[in-house]
Amino acid sequence: MSVTKRNVLGILVDAVDYEGAIQRIVECAEAGRTLTVSALAVHGVMTGVLDSMHRYRLNHLDLVVPDGQPVRYALNWLHGAGLKDRVAGPILMLKLCAVAAARGIPIFLFGSRPEVLAALSARLRERFPALIVAGTEPSKFRPLSAEEKAATVEKIRSSGARITFVGLGCPRQEVWAYEYRDVLSTPILAVGAAFDMHAGFQPLAPMLMQDAGLEWLHRLYLEPRRLWRRYLYLNPLFLGHLALQLTRLRRYDPTDVTPPVGDLSYG
């Protein structure tokens, strides 16, 4: 287990900052090694708390960074991590694209819709002119057959990409990263809404709201029907569980998991 991993409600989250995360990812990209990465906010953590099979997947990812401010607070309160900032998926993606452009590391964009990928590719190239977008593949929004999965793997491999960004939404993107980790020799980064945000399809929350841990309120305002349960139910539930772990009234065991059965191969 990584020395940076800490137990947050039974989910192993890495106590790292942007610099530490980027260093690990770039090292693996340049060495042609796989590295599964997810940026988890409260919703992502709670998907693992409430589902022991998904908890297994999350706890077998190589690097799980604290996307949400509440997850950063949890690391600091529970483990004295001393983190001064979260590691937000959208920001991590931009920082990595800057490094990739400078070092000639090609990237691949998997997930979302064709129009989002087209806009995302164009905007990233405009922002980082030296960036090599080696390929893109939109989601089919359904489980893939074995043949389709093999074709996806071959497309990413043959593109020459050294970093694969995945935007399928939580928890599907973490499932994807877990299931493809043994067949791709690139870091796989599950970055969620970063695709829509950087493509211009979804506005970023004001920085004051992000710093105050209120980005969820901004997203709830934008998509109340889709996100109301995620935030109005899961946020208080997260705080309740966190209080139990802080007061040691409940023990959260990261090894209390159920290995996944079968391959979802969602794409």
Protein backbone atom coordinates (compact mmCIF):
# COMPACT_ATOMS: atom_id res chain seq x y z
CA MET A 1 0.00 0.00 0.00
CA SER A 2 1.24 3.51 -0.81
CA VAL A 3 2.75 5.36 2.13
CA THR A 4 0.49 8.31 1.33
CA LYS A 5 -2.77 6.39 1.66
CA ARG A 6 -5.04 7.21 4.60
CA ASN A 7 -8.32 5.69 5.74
CA VAL A 8 -11.35 7.96 5.20
CA LEU A 9 -14.53 6.00 6.04
CA GLY A 10 -12.88 2.82 4.79
CA ILE A 11 -11.74 4.42 1.51
CA LEU A 12 -7.98 4.74 1.01
CA VAL A 13 -7.34 8.34 -0.04
CA ASP A 14 -3.84 9.63 -0.72
CA ALA A 15 -2.62 12.58 1.33
CA VAL A 16 -0.93 14.33 -1.60
CA ASP A 17 -0.88 17.76 -3.18
CA TYR A 18 -0.77 18.71 -6.86
CA GLU A 19 3.02 18.50 -7.03
CA GLY A 20 3.16 15.01 -5.54
CA ALA A 21 0.34 13.70 -7.73
CA ILE A 22 1.78 15.16 -10.93
CA GLN A 23 5.24 13.79 -10.19
CA ARG A 24 3.93 10.23 -9.82
CA ILE A 25 1.75 10.45 -12.93
CA VAL A 26 4.45 11.92 -15.16
CA GLU A 27 7.04 9.40 -13.98
CA CYS A 28 4.73 6.55 -14.95
CA ALA A 29 3.77 8.19 -18.25
CA GLU A 30 7.38 8.58 -19.31
CA ALA A 31 8.24 5.05 -18.17
CA GLY A 32 5.23 3.51 -19.97
CA ARG A 33 3.73 2.15 -16.74
CA THR A 34 0.08 2.00 -15.79
CA LEU A 35 -1.15 4.09 -12.87
CA THR A 36 -4.83 4.28 -11.97
CA VAL A 37 -5.86 7.68 -10.62
CA SER A 38 -9.14 9.09 -9.37
CA ALA A 39 -10.03 12.50 -7.96
CA LEU A 40 -12.70 11.81 -5.33
CA ALA A 41 -15.07 14.32 -3.80
CA VAL A 42 -17.72 13.43 -1.21
CA HIS A 43 -19.94 11.65 -3.74
CA GLY A 44 -17.05 9.48 -4.91
CA VAL A 45 -16.09 8.52 -1.37
CA MET A 46 -19.67 7.66 -0.48
CA THR A 47 -20.08 5.39 -3.51
CA GLY A 48 -17.43 3.24 -1.90
CA VAL A 49 -18.79 3.55 1.63
CA LEU A 50 -22.21 2.30 0.52
CA ASP A 51 -21.00 -0.43 -1.88
CA SER A 52 -18.38 -2.91 -0.69
CA MET A 53 -17.69 -4.10 -4.24
CA HIS A 54 -16.94 -0.58 -5.41
CA ARG A 55 -14.94 0.00 -2.23
CA TYR A 56 -12.73 -2.86 -3.39
CA ARG A 57 -12.16 -1.13 -6.73
CA LEU A 58 -11.38 2.25 -5.16
CA ASN A 59 -8.97 0.70 -2.68
CA HIS A 60 -7.13 -1.03 -5.51
CA LEU A 61 -6.55 2.17 -7.49
CA ASP A 62 -2.98 3.42 -7.29
CA LEU A 63 -3.66 7.06 -6.52
CA VAL A 64 -6.86 8.53 -5.08
CA VAL A 65 -6.55 12.29 -4.62
CA PRO A 66 -8.81 14.50 -2.44
CA ASP A 67 -10.87 16.35 -5.03
CA GLY A 68 -13.40 17.91 -2.67
CA GLN A 69 -12.51 20.28 0.16
CA PRO A 70 -14.49 18.12 2.64
CA VAL A 71 -12.29 15.15 1.71
CA ARG A 72 -9.21 17.30 2.34
CA TYR A 73 -10.67 18.37 5.69
CA ALA A 74 -11.24 14.71 6.56
CA LEU A 75 -7.61 13.84 5.80
CA ASN A 76 -6.42 16.73 7.95
CA TRP A 77 -8.79 16.05 10.87
CA LEU A 78 -8.41 12.29 10.93
CA HIS A 79 -4.74 11.95 10.09
CA GLY A 80 -3.09 15.35 10.54
CA ALA A 81 -2.22 15.38 6.84
CA GLY A 82 -1.62 19.12 6.81
CA LEU A 83 -2.91 19.52 3.25
CA LYS A 84 -3.33 23.18 2.35
CA ASP A 85 -5.37 22.58 -0.78
CA ARG A 86 -7.43 19.88 -2.45
CA VAL A 87 -6.39 18.22 -5.72
CA ALA A 88 -9.33 19.05 -7.98
CA GLY A 89 -9.73 16.81 -11.03
CA PRO A 90 -10.27 19.65 -13.54
CA ILE A 91 -7.25 21.59 -12.27
CA LEU A 92 -5.11 18.46 -12.12
CA MET A 93 -6.01 17.78 -15.75
CA LEU A 94 -4.89 21.24 -16.86
CA LYS A 95 -1.66 21.06 -14.87
CA LEU A 96 -0.89 17.67 -16.41
CA CYS A 97 -1.67 18.93 -19.91
CA ALA A 98 0.81 21.77 -19.35
CA VAL A 99 3.52 19.30 -18.34
CA ALA A 100 2.58 16.93 -21.17
CA ALA A 101 2.89 19.77 -23.68
CA ALA A 102 6.29 20.77 -22.32
CA ARG A 103 7.64 17.21 -22.32
CA GLY A 104 6.01 15.93 -25.50
CA ILE A 105 3.80 13.40 -23.73
CA PRO A 106 0.78 12.51 -25.94
CA ILE A 107 -2.63 12.23 -24.27
CA PHE A 108 -5.86 10.35 -25.08
CA LEU A 109 -9.38 11.52 -24.19
CA PHE A 110 -11.94 8.79 -23.52
CA GLY A 111 -15.61 9.31 -22.65
CA SER A 112 -18.37 11.91 -22.91
CA ARG A 113 -19.99 12.87 -26.25
CA PRO A 114 -18.42 13.58 -29.66
CA GLU A 115 -19.25 17.28 -29.53
CA VAL A 116 -17.68 17.60 -26.06
CA LEU A 117 -14.50 15.82 -27.17
CA ALA A 118 -14.21 18.01 -30.26
CA ALA A 119 -14.53 21.20 -28.24
CA LEU A 120 -12.26 19.88 -25.48
CA SER A 121 -9.51 18.91 -27.93
CA ALA A 122 -9.68 22.29 -29.66
CA ARG A 123 -9.59 24.25 -26.40
CA LEU A 124 -6.72 22.22 -24.96
CA ARG A 125 -4.67 22.70 -28.15
CA GLU A 126 -5.45 26.42 -28.10
CA ARG A 127 -4.34 26.69 -24.48
CA PHE A 128 -1.31 24.40 -24.89
CA PRO A 129 -0.19 24.66 -28.55
CA ALA A 130 2.48 21.96 -28.12
CA LEU A 131 0.06 19.46 -26.61
CA ILE A 132 -0.33 16.23 -28.59
CA VAL A 133 -3.90 14.91 -28.44
CA ALA A 134 -3.14 11.47 -29.83
CA GLY A 135 -6.76 10.36 -30.03
CA THR A 136 -10.29 10.57 -28.69
CA GLU A 137 -13.12 8.09 -28.22
CA PRO A 138 -16.65 9.03 -27.07
CA SER A 139 -18.63 6.90 -24.67
CA LYS A 140 -21.26 4.52 -25.96
CA PHE A 141 -23.09 4.99 -22.63
CA ARG A 142 -23.56 1.26 -22.14
CA PRO A 143 -21.54 -1.84 -21.22
CA LEU A 144 -19.12 -2.86 -23.94
CA SER A 145 -18.75 -6.29 -25.47
CA ALA A 146 -15.41 -8.07 -25.23
CA GLU A 147 -14.77 -7.17 -28.89
CA GLU A 148 -15.56 -3.50 -28.29
CA LYS A 149 -13.32 -3.42 -25.24
CA ALA A 150 -10.46 -4.98 -27.24
CA ALA A 151 -10.98 -2.39 -29.98
CA THR A 152 -10.85 0.43 -27.43
CA VAL A 153 -7.63 -0.91 -25.95
CA GLU A 154 -6.05 -1.23 -29.39
CA LYS A 155 -7.09 2.29 -30.37
CA ILE A 156 -5.49 3.79 -27.26
CA ARG A 157 -2.35 1.67 -27.57
CA SER A 158 -1.85 2.37 -31.28
CA SER A 159 -2.38 6.12 -30.79
CA GLY A 160 0.91 6.40 -28.93
CA ALA A 161 -0.77 8.14 -25.98
CA ARG A 162 1.13 8.08 -22.68
CA ILE A 163 -1.68 9.49 -20.50
CA THR A 164 -5.36 8.50 -20.76
CA PHE A 165 -7.99 10.87 -19.38
CA VAL A 166 -11.40 9.31 -18.69
CA GLY A 167 -14.60 11.33 -18.37
CA LEU A 168 -17.48 8.93 -17.72
CA GLY A 169 -18.80 10.33 -14.45
CA CYS A 170 -18.58 8.76 -11.02
CA PRO A 171 -18.55 5.80 -10.37
CA ARG A 172 -18.35 4.51 -13.97
CA GLN A 173 -15.00 6.14 -14.65
CA GLU A 174 -13.45 4.50 -11.57
CA VAL A 175 -14.84 1.14 -12.72
CA TRP A 176 -13.29 1.79 -16.15
CA ALA A 177 -9.91 2.67 -14.67
CA TYR A 178 -9.97 -0.45 -12.49
CA GLU A 179 -10.92 -2.76 -15.36
CA TYR A 180 -8.48 -1.34 -17.92
CA ARG A 181 -5.48 -1.02 -15.58
CA ASP A 182 -3.92 -4.31 -16.64
CA VAL A 183 -4.30 -3.81 -20.40
CA LEU A 184 -3.07 -0.21 -20.82
CA SER A 185 0.48 0.90 -20.18
CA THR A 186 -0.44 4.49 -19.40
CA PRO A 187 -1.62 6.39 -16.36
CA ILE A 188 -5.45 6.34 -16.40
CA LEU A 189 -7.02 9.42 -14.85
CA ALA A 190 -10.71 9.52 -13.93
CA VAL A 191 -11.47 13.25 -14.01
CA GLY A 192 -15.27 13.38 -14.21
CA ALA A 193 -16.79 16.74 -15.06
CA ALA A 194 -13.43 18.14 -16.23
CA PHE A 195 -14.33 17.24 -19.83
CA ASP A 196 -17.52 19.31 -19.84
CA MET A 197 -15.90 22.15 -17.92
CA HIS A 198 -12.84 22.55 -20.13
CA ALA A 199 -14.92 22.06 -23.28
CA GLY A 200 -17.09 25.00 -22.25
CA PHE A 201 -20.27 22.98 -21.71
CA GLN A 202 -20.35 23.50 -17.93
CA PRO A 203 -19.15 26.61 -16.10
CA LEU A 204 -16.62 26.34 -13.31
CA ALA A 205 -17.70 27.41 -9.84
CA PRO A 206 -16.33 30.78 -8.67
CA MET A 207 -12.99 30.30 -6.92
CA LEU A 208 -14.39 31.65 -3.64
CA MET A 209 -16.99 28.87 -3.63
CA GLN A 210 -14.34 26.29 -4.50
CA ASP A 211 -12.05 27.45 -1.69
CA ALA A 212 -14.94 27.43 0.78
CA GLY A 213 -15.91 23.86 -0.09
CA LEU A 214 -19.15 25.01 -1.73
CA GLU A 215 -18.56 23.89 -5.31
CA TRP A 216 -21.31 21.31 -4.76
CA LEU A 217 -23.81 24.15 -4.23
CA HIS A 218 -22.85 25.68 -7.57
CA ARG A 219 -23.31 22.36 -9.37
CA LEU A 220 -26.61 21.70 -7.57
CA TYR A 221 -27.88 25.09 -8.77
CA LEU A 222 -26.94 24.18 -12.36
CA GLU A 223 -28.36 20.63 -12.34
CA PRO A 224 -30.86 20.31 -9.48
CA ARG A 225 -32.85 17.37 -10.89
CA ARG A 226 -29.79 15.24 -11.56
CA LEU A 227 -27.73 16.13 -8.51
CA TRP A 228 -30.16 16.82 -5.66
CA ARG A 229 -29.86 13.34 -4.14
CA ARG A 230 -26.08 13.31 -4.50
CA TYR A 231 -25.63 16.47 -2.47
CA LEU A 232 -28.66 16.80 -0.18
CA TYR A 233 -28.49 13.16 0.90
CA LEU A 234 -24.86 12.13 0.57
CA ASN A 235 -23.23 15.28 1.99
CA PRO A 236 -24.98 15.02 5.40
CA LEU A 237 -24.40 11.25 5.37
CA PHE A 238 -20.68 11.84 4.79
CA LEU A 239 -20.53 14.25 7.73
CA GLY A 240 -22.34 11.78 9.97
CA HIS A 241 -19.93 8.98 9.11
CA LEU A 242 -16.97 11.31 9.51
CA ALA A 243 -18.14 12.22 13.02
CA LEU A 244 -18.33 8.51 13.88
CA GLN A 245 -14.77 7.92 12.66
CA LEU A 246 -13.43 11.04 14.38
CA THR A 247 -14.96 10.02 17.72
CA ARG A 248 -13.94 6.37 17.16
CA LEU A 249 -17.52 5.25 17.70
CA ARG A 250 -17.26 3.22 14.52
CA ARG A 251 -14.33 1.48 12.91
CA TYR A 252 -14.05 1.72 9.14
CA ASP A 253 -11.98 -1.16 7.81
CA PRO A 254 -10.53 -0.70 4.28
CA THR A 255 -10.18 -4.48 3.99
CA ASP A 256 -13.92 -5.02 4.54
CA VAL A 257 -14.59 -5.28 0.82
CA THR A 258 -16.17 -7.58 -1.74
CA PRO A 259 -14.12 -8.42 -4.86
CA PRO A 260 -16.02 -7.55 -8.06
CA VAL A 261 -17.66 -10.37 -9.96
CA GLY A 262 -17.35 -10.17 -13.73
CA ASP A 263 -16.28 -7.28 -15.93
CA LEU A 264 -18.65 -4.37 -16.47
CA SER A 265 -16.57 -3.00 -19.36
CA TYR A 266 -18.62 0.21 -19.44
CA GLY A 267 -17.61 2.65 -22.11
